[in-house]
Amino acid sequence: MYQIDIHSLQQFDILLVRFPEDESSLQIRENCNSEYSHAIIYLGGGAFVEGIEPVVTLFSYHRYYFPDLEDVKILRLSDAAGKSFNGAAAERALRSLASCNYSKRLLYHINKKNIDEDVITDFLEKKIWRNGIVCTSLITLPYYAGGVDFSSKNEPFYAHFGDIEKHKDFIDVTALTFQQIKEEDLRNDAYNYFTTYETGSILEKQAAIVVELNKYVQHKYRDITQHPEKYEDIRIAEENLGFSSWEDILPNLTRWFLSETGKKIDEELSELILSSKYNMLWFEEIHKYPEQFFPLYYWKFNSFSPSKDDIKFYTDSISETYKRIKEDEENTLKNFLGCPSKTYHILFNMYRLYADLLVGALVQYEELLKHV
């Protein structure tokens, strides 16, 4: 069996998969003139981003193994093409899609090539996608933002598996990015990718909560649009009601906070965040894998003995996460000071506490390096 080698991956590597016994997979492959019917992208820091029902989700590199390499391939942008690729823009685009709903309806519009013009204009001009996603969207839209157009005609939203698989600027790095592993060496939380639908991971819990948050915001926007007479105490602007994910409502919360509508939305949204324990997911993650966040303790008392390569990977991953979380904390604090809502208060505390723990983990890894 084979598992992804984290030390050989590069950000934005593309994982292509086929399900040989699945009829829908066969139909997709035939329609797209491709050997593959599912696509996943590597975000970095050990995390892959995957578009599946009901919402975009993440999984860690160690989460799955593959029985063999017959039905999987990893593609990488060539060094030559990578020189002009804007990775920062691609990452921003990818992260903006990370809480989007999966949309079967979008598949229909992709096949008919009749996606709404307003959606297309928003993406081409503002790099904002408003129409739900399918798995290929997570490849084609971020790559387009970075400078690679899989469609070759400024229509990345219509690009398909064949366009991805056969693109001239990508090379096959499958042999370089998988390592053969014995069953007894697999982690207890590693699963066969082809036979496991749910694994009970915290990232799956997060996806389930995001679905409910997305539903709340979609319903609220729909109600505002269809019944404006119920919301006479707020200024309704159509351009402010575009939906990608639940976080789209936060700027509106700031605009509407002093109104009764704004206060009601804040009460409902903050209660949903608290009751779903969205703000506690990182707490669960830390205590599910405590050796990653308290390495000195587990090195001393539990024979936790990571290699220097492992420590470098953990340090790099945590450093990148810290930069992002610290930025989220600072931005949320600014929003909280400008709009003292319960929702911003909850999110600010969530980011702040996680950032502090990440700093503590980095200090421990620096100390651990002295003993390895």
Protein backbone atom coordinates (compact mmCIF):
# COMPACT_ATOMS: atom_id res chain seq x y z
CA MET A 1 0.00 0.00 0.00
CA TYR A 2 1.04 3.60 -0.59
CA GLN A 3 0.82 6.83 1.36
CA ILE A 4 1.64 10.38 0.32
CA ASP A 5 5.17 11.46 1.23
CA ILE A 6 4.72 14.87 2.81
CA HIS A 7 8.37 15.82 2.32
CA SER A 8 8.04 15.43 -1.45
CA LEU A 9 4.88 17.47 -1.96
CA GLN A 10 4.74 21.03 -3.24
CA GLN A 11 1.92 23.52 -2.78
CA PHE A 12 -0.75 23.29 -5.49
CA ASP A 13 0.15 19.71 -6.48
CA ILE A 14 -2.94 18.12 -8.05
CA LEU A 15 -4.14 14.68 -6.99
CA LEU A 16 -6.24 12.96 -9.68
CA VAL A 17 -8.29 9.86 -8.84
CA ARG A 18 -10.52 7.43 -10.71
CA PHE A 19 -12.99 4.95 -9.29
CA PRO A 20 -12.75 2.06 -11.78
CA GLU A 21 -15.87 0.18 -10.67
CA ASP A 22 -18.11 3.25 -10.41
CA GLU A 23 -20.54 3.97 -13.27
CA SER A 24 -20.69 7.72 -12.68
CA SER A 25 -16.89 7.84 -12.63
CA LEU A 26 -16.82 6.04 -15.98
CA GLN A 27 -19.33 8.47 -17.47
CA ILE A 28 -17.34 11.48 -16.27
CA ARG A 29 -14.13 10.03 -17.73
CA GLU A 30 -15.80 9.42 -21.08
CA ASN A 31 -17.38 12.89 -21.19
CA CYS A 32 -14.10 14.59 -20.29
CA ASN A 33 -11.82 12.37 -22.38
CA SER A 34 -9.80 11.69 -19.25
CA GLU A 35 -8.53 8.77 -17.21
CA TYR A 36 -9.72 10.45 -14.00
CA SER A 37 -12.99 11.61 -12.45
CA HIS A 38 -12.03 13.35 -9.21
CA ALA A 39 -9.48 16.06 -8.37
CA ILE A 40 -7.94 17.26 -5.10
CA ILE A 41 -5.43 20.07 -4.56
CA TYR A 42 -2.61 20.40 -2.03
CA LEU A 43 -2.94 23.62 -0.06
CA GLY A 44 0.32 23.17 1.84
CA GLY A 45 1.15 22.52 5.48
CA GLY A 46 0.04 18.91 5.17
CA ALA A 47 -3.51 19.80 4.09
CA PHE A 48 -5.38 18.84 0.92
CA VAL A 49 -8.56 20.63 -0.18
CA GLU A 50 -11.31 18.47 -1.65
CA GLY A 51 -14.64 19.36 -3.23
CA ILE A 52 -17.21 16.76 -2.18
CA GLU A 53 -20.81 16.88 -1.00
CA PRO A 54 -22.05 18.77 0.89
CA VAL A 55 -19.23 21.32 1.25
CA VAL A 56 -15.52 21.83 0.57
CA THR A 57 -13.45 19.98 3.15
CA LEU A 58 -9.81 19.50 4.07
CA PHE A 59 -7.88 16.37 4.97
CA SER A 60 -4.37 15.79 6.25
CA TYR A 61 -1.76 14.01 4.13
CA HIS A 62 -1.65 11.03 6.51
CA ARG A 63 -5.43 10.55 6.54
CA TYR A 64 -5.59 8.10 3.62
CA TYR A 65 -3.59 5.38 1.95
CA PHE A 66 -4.00 3.82 -1.50
CA PRO A 67 -3.80 0.06 -2.15
CA ASP A 68 -1.73 0.72 -5.28
CA LEU A 69 -1.01 3.54 -7.72
CA GLU A 70 -3.14 2.28 -10.59
CA ASP A 71 -5.99 4.73 -10.03
CA VAL A 72 -4.21 7.81 -8.75
CA LYS A 73 -1.84 10.39 -10.22
CA ILE A 74 -0.18 13.54 -8.89
CA LEU A 75 0.55 16.41 -11.27
CA ARG A 76 2.83 19.39 -10.64
CA LEU A 77 3.35 22.65 -12.46
CA SER A 78 6.67 22.51 -14.27
CA ASP A 79 9.58 24.64 -13.08
CA ALA A 80 9.51 26.66 -16.28
CA ALA A 81 5.80 27.50 -15.98
CA GLY A 82 6.15 28.04 -12.24
CA LYS A 83 8.46 31.02 -12.74
CA SER A 84 5.56 33.22 -13.85
CA PHE A 85 2.94 31.63 -11.55
CA ASN A 86 1.50 33.90 -8.83
CA GLY A 87 1.26 31.50 -5.89
CA ALA A 88 0.00 34.15 -3.47
CA ALA A 89 -2.96 34.98 -5.74
CA ALA A 90 -3.69 31.27 -6.23
CA GLU A 91 -3.66 30.65 -2.49
CA ARG A 92 -6.01 33.57 -1.83
CA ALA A 93 -8.41 32.21 -4.43
CA LEU A 94 -8.21 28.68 -3.03
CA ARG A 95 -8.80 29.81 0.55
CA SER A 96 -11.77 31.90 -0.60
CA LEU A 97 -13.38 28.67 -1.85
CA ALA A 98 -12.64 26.69 1.32
CA SER A 99 -16.15 27.06 2.80
CA CYS A 100 -18.20 26.86 -0.41
CA ASN A 101 -21.06 24.43 -0.88
CA TYR A 102 -20.68 21.59 -3.36
CA SER A 103 -23.13 22.21 -6.20
CA LYS A 104 -24.61 19.49 -8.42
CA ARG A 105 -26.46 22.27 -10.21
CA LEU A 106 -23.12 23.77 -11.23
CA LEU A 107 -22.25 20.50 -12.96
CA TYR A 108 -25.31 20.95 -15.14
CA HIS A 109 -24.35 24.53 -16.01
CA ILE A 110 -20.75 23.50 -16.74
CA ASN A 111 -21.93 20.79 -19.14
CA LYS A 112 -24.32 23.24 -20.84
CA LYS A 113 -21.76 26.08 -20.67
CA ASN A 114 -24.39 28.50 -19.43
CA ILE A 115 -23.14 29.71 -16.04
CA ASP A 116 -24.81 32.99 -15.12
CA GLU A 117 -23.00 35.99 -16.63
CA ASP A 118 -23.04 37.88 -13.32
CA VAL A 119 -21.18 34.99 -11.67
CA ILE A 120 -18.60 34.94 -14.45
CA THR A 121 -18.12 38.72 -14.32
CA ASP A 122 -17.62 38.67 -10.54
CA PHE A 123 -14.93 36.04 -10.91
CA LEU A 124 -13.08 37.57 -13.86
CA GLU A 125 -13.15 41.11 -12.46
CA LYS A 126 -13.09 40.56 -8.69
CA LYS A 127 -11.74 36.99 -8.37
CA ILE A 128 -14.84 36.16 -6.28
CA TRP A 129 -16.78 32.97 -7.05
CA ARG A 130 -20.49 32.98 -6.18
CA ASN A 131 -21.95 29.77 -7.57
CA GLY A 132 -20.95 26.80 -5.38
CA ILE A 133 -18.16 24.51 -6.53
CA VAL A 134 -17.38 21.09 -7.95
CA CYS A 135 -14.06 19.33 -7.42
CA THR A 136 -12.49 20.73 -10.60
CA SER A 137 -13.36 24.29 -9.49
CA LEU A 138 -10.80 23.97 -6.70
CA ILE A 139 -8.14 23.33 -9.35
CA THR A 140 -9.11 25.52 -12.27
CA LEU A 141 -10.19 28.71 -10.46
CA PRO A 142 -7.16 29.13 -8.14
CA TYR A 143 -4.76 28.21 -10.94
CA TYR A 144 -6.41 30.81 -13.17
CA ALA A 145 -5.97 33.42 -10.44
CA GLY A 146 -2.29 32.46 -10.36
CA GLY A 147 -1.87 32.70 -14.12
CA VAL A 148 -2.59 29.21 -15.51
CA ASP A 149 -5.72 28.87 -17.65
CA PHE A 150 -6.69 25.22 -18.09
CA SER A 151 -9.35 26.22 -20.64
CA SER A 152 -6.87 28.27 -22.75
CA LYS A 153 -9.67 30.78 -23.48
CA ASN A 154 -10.36 32.61 -20.21
CA GLU A 155 -13.11 30.17 -19.24
CA PRO A 156 -11.53 28.25 -16.33
CA PHE A 157 -14.98 27.56 -14.85
CA TYR A 158 -15.70 25.29 -17.85
CA ALA A 159 -12.38 23.40 -17.79
CA HIS A 160 -12.66 19.66 -17.01
CA PHE A 161 -10.55 16.64 -16.10
CA GLY A 162 -9.21 16.18 -19.61
CA ASP A 163 -8.00 19.79 -19.67
CA ILE A 164 -6.25 19.30 -16.33
CA GLU A 165 -4.74 15.89 -17.08
CA LYS A 166 -3.37 16.86 -20.49
CA HIS A 167 -2.20 20.41 -19.84
CA LYS A 168 1.24 20.99 -21.33
CA ASP A 169 2.67 22.81 -18.29
CA PHE A 170 2.21 19.92 -15.84
CA ILE A 171 4.40 16.92 -15.14
CA ASP A 172 3.61 13.58 -13.53
CA VAL A 173 5.28 13.32 -10.10
CA THR A 174 3.37 10.31 -8.82
CA ALA A 175 6.49 8.19 -8.37
CA LEU A 176 8.16 10.98 -6.39
CA THR A 177 5.31 11.80 -4.03
CA PHE A 178 4.17 8.39 -2.76
CA GLN A 179 5.99 6.05 -0.43
CA GLN A 180 5.28 2.36 0.01
CA ILE A 181 4.27 1.50 3.54
CA LYS A 182 3.45 -1.66 5.49
CA GLU A 183 0.06 -2.02 7.09
CA GLU A 184 1.58 -2.23 10.58
CA ASP A 185 3.29 1.13 10.05
CA LEU A 186 0.08 3.00 9.24
CA ARG A 187 -1.30 5.41 11.81
CA ASN A 188 -4.47 4.33 13.59
CA ASP A 189 -6.36 7.17 11.88
CA ALA A 190 -5.31 6.24 8.32
CA TYR A 191 -8.01 4.93 5.97
CA ASN A 192 -8.27 3.40 2.50
CA TYR A 193 -9.27 6.32 0.28
CA PHE A 194 -11.40 4.16 -2.02
CA THR A 195 -13.50 2.46 0.64
CA THR A 196 -13.95 5.12 3.32
CA TYR A 197 -16.62 7.80 3.04
CA GLU A 198 -16.40 9.32 6.51
CA THR A 199 -13.56 9.01 9.00
CA GLY A 200 -14.89 11.06 11.91
CA SER A 201 -12.11 13.63 11.61
CA ILE A 202 -12.36 17.12 13.08
CA LEU A 203 -12.10 18.56 9.57
CA GLU A 204 -15.21 16.59 8.61
CA LYS A 205 -16.97 17.99 11.69
CA GLN A 206 -15.95 21.46 10.56
CA ALA A 207 -17.42 20.84 7.10
CA ALA A 208 -20.73 19.68 8.62
CA ILE A 209 -20.94 22.85 10.74
CA VAL A 210 -20.07 25.08 7.77
CA VAL A 211 -23.00 23.54 5.88
CA GLU A 212 -25.36 24.77 8.60
CA LEU A 213 -23.76 28.22 8.73
CA ASN A 214 -24.01 28.46 4.94
CA LYS A 215 -27.69 27.45 5.07
CA TYR A 216 -28.40 30.16 7.62
CA VAL A 217 -26.82 32.91 5.52
CA GLN A 218 -28.35 31.69 2.25
CA HIS A 219 -31.81 31.59 3.84
CA LYS A 220 -31.32 35.06 5.36
CA TYR A 221 -30.21 36.58 2.06
CA ARG A 222 -33.08 34.90 0.23
CA ASP A 223 -35.57 36.24 2.76
CA ILE A 224 -34.15 39.77 2.52
CA THR A 225 -34.37 39.66 -1.27
CA GLN A 226 -37.88 38.23 -1.41
CA HIS A 227 -39.37 40.20 1.51
CA PRO A 228 -37.60 43.57 1.71
CA GLU A 229 -40.57 45.03 3.56
CA LYS A 230 -39.52 43.00 6.62
CA TYR A 231 -36.12 44.69 6.64
CA GLU A 232 -36.95 48.39 6.31
CA ASP A 233 -34.43 49.32 9.03
CA ILE A 234 -31.41 48.32 6.88
CA ARG A 235 -30.08 49.51 3.54
CA ILE A 236 -30.43 46.64 1.06
CA ALA A 237 -27.92 46.68 -1.78
CA GLU A 238 -27.99 43.76 -4.21
CA GLU A 239 -24.20 43.84 -4.64
CA ASN A 240 -23.83 43.13 -0.90
CA LEU A 241 -25.98 39.99 -1.02
CA GLY A 242 -23.78 37.78 -3.19
CA PHE A 243 -23.15 34.39 -1.60
CA SER A 244 -20.00 32.28 -1.56
CA SER A 245 -19.95 31.15 2.08
CA TRP A 246 -21.38 32.12 5.45
CA GLU A 247 -18.56 34.61 6.08
CA ASP A 248 -20.06 36.85 3.36
CA ILE A 249 -22.52 38.10 5.95
CA LEU A 250 -19.84 39.56 8.25
CA PRO A 251 -19.39 42.87 6.35
CA ASN A 252 -23.16 43.23 6.35
CA LEU A 253 -23.26 42.57 10.07
CA THR A 254 -20.96 45.58 10.48
CA ARG A 255 -23.19 47.70 8.22
CA TRP A 256 -26.41 46.68 9.95
CA PHE A 257 -25.34 46.23 13.57
CA LEU A 258 -27.08 49.31 15.02
CA SER A 259 -30.43 48.25 13.55
CA GLU A 260 -32.84 45.76 15.06
CA THR A 261 -32.26 43.49 12.05
CA GLY A 262 -28.51 43.61 12.59
CA LYS A 263 -28.80 42.78 16.28
CA LYS A 264 -31.15 39.89 15.52
CA ILE A 265 -28.76 38.47 12.91
CA ASP A 266 -25.91 38.76 15.42
CA GLU A 267 -27.92 36.90 18.06
CA GLU A 268 -28.88 34.12 15.64
CA LEU A 269 -25.45 33.73 14.08
CA SER A 270 -23.50 33.82 17.35
CA GLU A 271 -25.86 31.28 18.88
CA LEU A 272 -25.40 28.99 15.88
CA ILE A 273 -21.60 29.25 16.16
CA LEU A 274 -21.70 28.48 19.89
CA SER A 275 -24.27 25.68 19.74
CA SER A 276 -22.42 23.97 16.88
CA LYS A 277 -19.11 24.37 18.77
CA TYR A 278 -17.49 25.77 15.64
CA ASN A 279 -15.30 27.91 17.88
CA MET A 280 -14.09 24.80 19.75
CA LEU A 281 -12.87 22.73 16.81
CA TRP A 282 -9.24 23.78 17.20
CA PHE A 283 -9.49 22.96 20.91
CA GLU A 284 -10.51 19.42 19.92
CA GLU A 285 -7.72 19.19 17.33
CA ILE A 286 -5.06 20.17 19.86
CA HIS A 287 -6.19 17.60 22.40
CA LYS A 288 -6.68 14.86 19.82
CA TYR A 289 -3.06 15.22 18.62
CA PRO A 290 -1.37 16.72 21.70
CA GLU A 291 2.10 15.44 20.77
CA GLN A 292 2.12 17.81 17.78
CA PHE A 293 1.38 20.85 19.95
CA PHE A 294 3.24 19.84 23.13
CA PRO A 295 6.26 18.03 21.65
CA LEU A 296 8.61 18.61 24.57
CA TYR A 297 6.24 16.99 27.05
CA TYR A 298 5.66 13.93 24.87
CA TRP A 299 9.33 13.67 23.91
CA LYS A 300 10.28 13.58 27.58
CA PHE A 301 7.57 11.33 28.96
CA ASN A 302 6.05 9.36 26.06
CA SER A 303 8.97 8.52 23.79
CA PHE A 304 7.82 10.96 21.12
CA SER A 305 10.87 11.05 18.85
CA PRO A 306 10.34 12.97 15.61
CA SER A 307 13.21 13.19 13.12
CA LYS A 308 14.78 16.49 12.15
CA ASP A 309 12.81 16.35 8.89
CA ASP A 310 9.60 15.85 10.87
CA ILE A 311 10.42 18.75 13.16
CA LYS A 312 11.16 20.99 10.19
CA PHE A 313 7.85 20.02 8.59
CA TYR A 314 5.91 20.66 11.81
CA THR A 315 7.72 23.96 12.35
CA ASP A 316 7.14 25.15 8.79
CA SER A 317 3.48 24.10 8.85
CA ILE A 318 2.77 25.68 12.22
CA SER A 319 4.63 28.86 11.22
CA GLU A 320 2.49 29.26 8.12
CA THR A 321 -0.68 28.52 10.08
CA TYR A 322 0.36 31.03 12.74
CA LYS A 323 0.87 33.80 10.16
CA ARG A 324 -2.60 33.20 8.76
CA ILE A 325 -4.32 32.88 12.14
CA LYS A 326 -2.53 35.96 13.48
CA GLU A 327 -3.73 37.93 10.46
CA ASP A 328 -7.27 36.63 11.07
CA GLU A 329 -6.98 37.64 14.73
CA GLU A 330 -5.84 41.17 13.89
CA ASN A 331 -8.50 41.66 11.22
CA THR A 332 -11.22 40.32 13.49
CA LEU A 333 -10.10 42.62 16.30
CA LYS A 334 -10.39 45.62 13.96
CA ASN A 335 -13.87 44.47 12.98
CA PHE A 336 -14.82 43.85 16.62
CA LEU A 337 -13.71 47.35 17.63
CA GLY A 338 -15.79 48.78 14.79
CA CYS A 339 -18.75 46.51 15.48
CA PRO A 340 -18.94 45.17 19.08
CA SER A 341 -21.04 42.15 18.14
CA LYS A 342 -21.17 38.74 19.81
CA THR A 343 -20.19 37.10 16.54
CA TYR A 344 -16.94 39.07 16.18
CA HIS A 345 -16.21 38.58 19.89
CA ILE A 346 -16.44 34.79 19.55
CA LEU A 347 -14.30 34.72 16.41
CA PHE A 348 -11.67 37.06 17.90
CA ASN A 349 -11.28 34.88 21.00
CA MET A 350 -11.08 31.76 18.82
CA TYR A 351 -8.25 33.15 16.68
CA ARG A 352 -6.39 34.68 19.63
CA LEU A 353 -6.32 31.50 21.71
CA TYR A 354 -5.23 29.37 18.76
CA ALA A 355 -2.48 31.84 17.83
CA ASP A 356 -1.11 31.74 21.39
CA LEU A 357 -1.00 27.94 21.36
CA LEU A 358 0.79 27.91 18.01
CA VAL A 359 3.48 30.24 19.39
CA GLY A 360 3.93 27.90 22.33
CA ALA A 361 4.33 24.92 19.99
CA LEU A 362 6.97 26.72 17.91
CA VAL A 363 9.01 27.54 21.01
CA GLN A 364 8.93 23.87 22.01
CA TYR A 365 10.04 22.65 18.57
CA GLU A 366 12.98 25.07 18.66
CA GLU A 367 14.01 23.61 21.99
CA LEU A 368 13.45 20.03 20.82
CA LEU A 369 15.84 20.55 17.92
CA LYS A 370 18.66 20.93 20.43
CA HIS A 371 18.10 17.36 21.61
CA VAL A 372 17.56 15.54 18.30
